[in-house]
């Protein structure tokens, strides 16, 4: 069988036996697939740099016994700014796990791959923007997965949204404060009601709602081209996008928890 050449992003790397590595890759046309790097545990292997996690590389494969084996690999973009910052590296791992969740084997990658590449490029080339990048990636990933929120007006009364609104995470809709007050009689909804329905409400200000609308609807190339200058709005946006993605995927990610633990440790060190 002739060799196959394609550009692919390295999602994960795991040992295979004592000397080889198993790569989890995703390419625009092939989707998610696996390949083996023979002798990948040796520092003398010329392909190691191009097969590190979170690297965009050109691969040449040959097939043997039903497996793809790496013949040649050349790094196209290694995202150096991510490699030397542990917070960014943990975020790259989280993004890669989301891509793994939202991709299929032997199916074109679609929008999720360029979204991931753009997000990691932004991480690599910017400072102080990690929270915004993470939030935009999460919301757009949810949209790609088919969970686009309804953001035109309050889902109950149909009125335009003001500055006091909530995102009903499970329904993917906005609820204005007056409707929420009437619905709950000023008593907060339990997270899970008597019928087993989960309620997650994230408060949003007008700027955070505008960011939601922008990231949900804008063309793929412009997903990260917005700013939230108000710290309160950015915090609201970030909390809501994370909750929205995780609840709709119905799972958490260990890589996200690792990222949060690292942030907590660094905050504690600053306080000390």
Protein backbone atom coordinates (compact mmCIF):
# COMPACT_ATOMS: atom_id res chain seq x y z
CA UNK A 1 0.00 0.00 0.00
CA UNK A 2 1.44 3.44 -0.90
CA UNK A 3 2.53 5.84 1.82
CA UNK A 4 0.00 8.44 2.99
CA UNK A 5 0.91 12.07 3.70
CA UNK A 6 -1.21 14.51 5.69
CA UNK A 7 -0.97 17.44 8.09
CA UNK A 8 -2.23 16.54 11.55
CA UNK A 9 -2.40 17.85 15.09
CA UNK A 10 -1.02 15.73 17.94
CA UNK A 11 -3.76 15.39 20.55
CA UNK A 12 -2.13 12.81 22.82
CA UNK A 13 1.02 10.72 23.13
CA UNK A 14 1.27 7.51 25.15
CA UNK A 15 4.00 4.86 25.52
CA UNK A 16 3.58 1.65 23.54
CA UNK A 17 5.77 -1.06 24.89
CA UNK A 18 9.29 -0.17 25.97
CA UNK A 19 10.41 1.83 22.96
CA UNK A 20 7.49 2.99 20.80
CA UNK A 21 4.88 5.72 21.17
CA UNK A 22 1.20 5.69 20.30
CA UNK A 23 0.04 8.99 18.83
CA UNK A 24 -3.54 10.23 18.79
CA UNK A 25 -3.83 12.57 15.82
CA UNK A 26 -6.48 14.58 14.04
CA UNK A 27 -6.33 15.83 10.48
CA UNK A 28 -8.78 17.91 8.43
CA UNK A 29 -9.78 15.07 6.08
CA UNK A 30 -9.14 11.91 8.11
CA UNK A 31 -10.53 13.07 11.43
CA UNK A 32 -9.17 11.41 14.54
CA UNK A 33 -6.85 8.41 14.15
CA UNK A 34 -3.92 6.62 15.75
CA UNK A 35 -0.37 6.05 14.58
CA UNK A 36 2.74 4.42 16.01
CA UNK A 37 6.13 6.09 16.19
CA UNK A 38 8.74 3.36 16.24
CA UNK A 39 11.54 4.12 18.69
CA UNK A 40 9.66 7.19 19.88
CA UNK A 41 11.11 6.94 23.39
CA UNK A 42 14.64 7.51 22.12
CA UNK A 43 15.99 11.05 22.21
CA UNK A 44 17.94 10.16 19.06
CA UNK A 45 14.75 9.72 17.06
CA UNK A 46 14.56 12.59 14.57
CA UNK A 47 10.75 12.55 14.60
CA UNK A 48 10.33 13.21 18.33
CA UNK A 49 10.01 17.01 18.15
CA UNK A 50 7.32 16.82 15.47
CA UNK A 51 5.32 14.25 17.44
CA UNK A 52 5.13 16.06 20.77
CA UNK A 53 1.63 16.75 22.10
CA UNK A 54 -0.04 19.93 20.79
CA UNK A 55 2.14 20.14 17.68
CA UNK A 56 0.86 20.71 14.14
CA UNK A 57 3.01 18.60 11.83
CA UNK A 58 3.24 17.05 8.40
CA UNK A 59 3.24 13.25 8.58
CA UNK A 60 4.09 10.49 6.18
CA UNK A 61 2.72 7.08 7.17
CA UNK A 62 3.02 3.52 5.96
CA UNK A 63 0.59 0.79 6.95
CA UNK A 64 1.51 -2.61 8.37
CA UNK A 65 -0.70 -5.17 10.07
CA UNK A 66 -3.60 -2.75 10.05
CA UNK A 67 -1.70 0.03 11.85
CA UNK A 68 -0.36 3.37 10.67
CA UNK A 69 3.36 3.81 11.35
CA UNK A 70 5.14 7.15 11.17
CA UNK A 71 7.76 7.16 8.43
CA UNK A 72 8.53 10.88 8.53
CA UNK A 73 7.25 13.81 10.57
CA UNK A 74 8.10 17.49 10.24
CA UNK A 75 6.83 20.11 12.64
CA UNK A 76 4.90 22.95 10.99
CA UNK A 77 4.01 24.80 14.22
CA UNK A 78 5.09 23.76 17.71
CA UNK A 79 3.44 26.70 19.55
CA UNK A 80 6.55 27.54 21.53
CA UNK A 81 4.81 30.06 23.77
CA UNK A 82 2.73 27.24 25.24
CA UNK A 83 5.72 24.98 25.99
CA UNK A 84 7.29 27.25 28.60
CA UNK A 85 4.17 28.24 30.54
CA UNK A 86 2.54 25.52 32.64
CA UNK A 87 -0.86 27.24 32.75
CA UNK A 88 -0.97 27.50 28.97
CA UNK A 89 0.25 23.91 28.63
CA UNK A 90 -2.55 22.67 30.89
CA UNK A 91 -5.07 24.64 28.86
CA UNK A 92 -3.71 23.14 25.63
CA UNK A 93 -4.24 19.69 27.15
CA UNK A 94 -7.83 20.61 28.05
CA UNK A 95 -8.52 21.94 24.57
CA UNK A 96 -7.14 18.73 23.07
CA UNK A 97 -9.41 16.62 25.27
CA UNK A 98 -12.44 18.62 24.11
CA UNK A 99 -11.37 18.09 20.48
CA UNK A 100 -11.03 14.35 21.15
CA UNK A 101 -14.56 14.32 22.58
CA UNK A 102 -16.05 16.22 19.63
CA UNK A 103 -14.27 14.38 16.81
CA UNK A 104 -14.79 11.01 15.19
CA UNK A 105 -12.55 8.47 13.59
CA UNK A 106 -12.57 8.40 9.78
CA UNK A 107 -14.73 11.53 9.56
CA UNK A 108 -13.54 15.00 8.50
CA UNK A 109 -12.59 17.13 11.50
CA UNK A 110 -14.79 20.06 10.53
CA UNK A 111 -14.58 23.33 12.45
CA UNK A 112 -13.30 21.89 15.74
CA UNK A 113 -9.74 21.39 14.45
CA UNK A 114 -9.13 24.97 13.19
CA UNK A 115 -10.81 26.26 16.35
CA UNK A 116 -8.31 24.32 18.46
CA UNK A 117 -5.33 25.42 16.35
CA UNK A 118 -6.41 29.06 16.56
CA UNK A 119 -6.98 28.82 20.32
CA UNK A 120 -3.54 27.32 20.97
CA UNK A 121 -1.94 29.85 18.62
CA UNK A 122 -3.61 32.61 20.65
CA UNK A 123 -2.35 31.05 23.89
CA UNK A 124 1.13 30.88 22.45
CA UNK A 125 1.30 34.47 21.21
CA UNK A 126 -0.58 36.48 23.85
CA UNK A 127 -0.15 37.41 27.49
CA UNK A 128 -2.98 37.85 29.99
CA UNK A 129 -5.63 36.57 27.58
CA UNK A 130 -5.94 32.94 28.74
CA UNK A 131 -9.34 33.38 30.42
CA UNK A 132 -10.90 34.99 27.36
CA UNK A 133 -9.38 32.40 25.00
CA UNK A 134 -10.59 29.52 27.16
CA UNK A 135 -14.12 30.92 27.36
CA UNK A 136 -14.41 31.57 23.62
CA UNK A 137 -13.07 28.09 22.86
CA UNK A 138 -15.61 26.49 25.22
CA UNK A 139 -18.62 28.34 23.86
CA UNK A 140 -17.72 27.81 20.21
CA UNK A 141 -17.03 24.12 20.91
CA UNK A 142 -20.54 23.83 22.34
CA UNK A 143 -21.95 25.49 19.22
CA UNK A 144 -20.00 23.08 16.99
CA UNK A 145 -21.37 20.18 19.02
CA UNK A 146 -24.90 21.35 18.20
CA UNK A 147 -25.72 23.22 21.40
CA UNK A 148 -26.00 26.81 20.15
CA UNK A 149 -27.80 28.92 22.79
CA UNK A 150 -30.87 31.03 22.00
CA UNK A 151 -29.80 34.59 22.80
CA UNK A 152 -32.28 36.90 21.07
CA UNK A 153 -34.58 37.62 24.01
CA UNK A 154 -35.91 36.26 27.30
CA UNK A 155 -37.19 32.76 26.67
CA UNK A 156 -40.24 33.38 28.89
CA UNK A 157 -41.52 36.88 28.11
CA UNK A 158 -39.82 37.50 24.77
CA UNK A 159 -38.59 40.94 25.80
CA UNK A 160 -35.22 42.41 24.92
CA UNK A 161 -32.47 41.53 27.35
CA UNK A 162 -31.20 44.24 29.70
CA UNK A 163 -28.28 44.22 32.10
CA UNK A 164 -29.76 41.77 34.62
CA UNK A 165 -30.17 38.37 32.99
CA UNK A 166 -29.40 34.71 33.54
CA UNK A 167 -28.30 31.96 31.20
CA UNK A 168 -30.36 28.82 31.73
CA UNK A 169 -27.49 26.48 31.01
CA UNK A 170 -29.50 23.32 30.41
CA UNK A 171 -32.12 24.97 28.17
CA UNK A 172 -29.55 27.13 26.37
CA UNK A 173 -31.69 30.23 26.75
CA UNK A 174 -31.73 33.61 28.48
CA UNK A 175 -34.07 34.42 31.35
CA UNK A 176 -34.59 38.00 32.51
CA UNK A 177 -34.55 38.78 36.23
CA UNK A 178 -38.30 39.66 36.48
CA UNK A 179 -39.29 36.33 34.88
CA UNK A 180 -36.92 34.43 37.12
CA UNK A 181 -38.31 36.18 40.19
CA UNK A 182 -41.88 35.38 39.19
CA UNK A 183 -41.00 31.78 38.42
CA UNK A 184 -39.23 31.12 41.69
CA UNK A 185 -41.17 33.54 43.94
CA UNK A 186 -37.78 34.90 44.97
CA UNK A 187 -36.68 31.43 46.12
CA UNK A 188 -33.65 30.11 44.21
CA UNK A 189 -34.29 27.05 42.09
CA UNK A 190 -32.73 23.87 43.48
CA UNK A 191 -29.97 22.51 41.27
CA UNK A 192 -32.10 19.37 40.77
CA UNK A 193 -35.87 19.59 41.19
CA UNK A 194 -38.36 16.90 42.28
CA UNK A 195 -38.61 15.53 38.75
CA UNK A 196 -34.86 15.11 38.41
CA UNK A 197 -34.44 18.07 36.05
CA UNK A 198 -31.19 19.94 36.59
CA UNK A 199 -31.23 23.73 36.82
CA UNK A 200 -28.05 25.72 36.32
CA UNK A 201 -28.40 29.48 36.11
CA UNK A 202 -25.41 31.69 35.32
CA UNK A 203 -25.77 35.47 35.79
CA UNK A 204 -24.73 37.61 32.84
CA UNK A 205 -24.39 41.35 32.33
CA UNK A 206 -25.06 43.06 29.00
CA UNK A 207 -21.38 42.89 27.95
CA UNK A 208 -21.19 39.18 28.72
CA UNK A 209 -24.38 38.56 26.70
CA UNK A 210 -22.85 40.50 23.79
CA UNK A 211 -19.75 38.29 23.99
CA UNK A 212 -21.97 35.19 23.97
CA UNK A 213 -23.75 36.41 20.85
CA UNK A 214 -20.52 37.33 19.09
CA UNK A 215 -18.71 34.04 19.73
CA UNK A 216 -21.81 31.98 18.89
CA UNK A 217 -22.53 33.65 15.54
CA UNK A 218 -19.30 35.10 14.15
CA UNK A 219 -17.35 33.49 11.29
CA UNK A 220 -14.81 30.86 12.46
CA UNK A 221 -11.77 33.06 11.78
CA UNK A 222 -13.05 35.82 14.08
CA UNK A 223 -14.03 33.79 17.15
CA UNK A 224 -11.27 35.29 19.30
CA UNK A 225 -11.44 38.86 17.94
CA UNK A 226 -13.35 40.47 20.79
CA UNK A 227 -12.49 42.09 24.11
CA UNK A 228 -14.13 42.27 27.52
CA UNK A 229 -12.57 45.24 29.27
CA UNK A 230 -14.64 44.86 32.43
CA UNK A 231 -13.32 42.22 34.86
CA UNK A 232 -16.83 41.42 36.13
CA UNK A 233 -18.11 40.78 32.62
CA UNK A 234 -15.14 38.55 31.82
CA UNK A 235 -15.68 36.50 34.98
CA UNK A 236 -19.39 36.07 34.19
CA UNK A 237 -18.62 35.09 30.60
CA UNK A 238 -15.95 32.60 31.66
CA UNK A 239 -18.06 30.92 34.34
CA UNK A 240 -21.05 30.61 32.02
CA UNK A 241 -19.16 29.20 29.03
CA UNK A 242 -17.44 26.53 31.11
CA UNK A 243 -20.72 25.47 32.74
CA UNK A 244 -22.45 25.49 29.37
CA UNK A 245 -19.95 23.22 27.64
CA UNK A 246 -19.54 20.75 30.50
CA UNK A 247 -23.26 20.39 31.15
CA UNK A 248 -24.10 19.81 27.50
CA UNK A 249 -21.29 17.32 27.02
CA UNK A 250 -22.44 15.71 30.30
CA UNK A 251 -18.91 15.15 31.51
CA UNK A 252 -15.92 16.83 33.10
CA UNK A 253 -12.27 16.77 32.11
CA UNK A 254 -9.35 15.85 34.34
CA UNK A 255 -7.15 18.22 32.37
CA UNK A 256 -9.49 21.10 33.27
CA UNK A 257 -9.35 20.14 36.93
CA UNK A 258 -5.54 20.02 36.73
CA UNK A 259 -5.57 23.53 35.26
CA UNK A 260 -7.79 24.79 38.09
CA UNK A 261 -5.59 23.17 40.73
CA UNK A 262 -2.54 24.86 39.23
CA UNK A 263 -4.29 28.25 39.32
CA UNK A 264 -5.28 27.68 42.95
CA UNK A 265 -1.69 26.81 43.90
CA UNK A 266 -0.36 29.94 42.18
CA UNK A 267 -2.96 32.15 43.86
CA UNK A 268 -1.99 30.69 47.23
CA UNK A 269 1.69 31.34 46.51
CA UNK A 270 0.91 34.98 45.66
CA UNK A 271 -1.00 35.41 48.93
CA UNK A 272 1.88 33.91 50.86
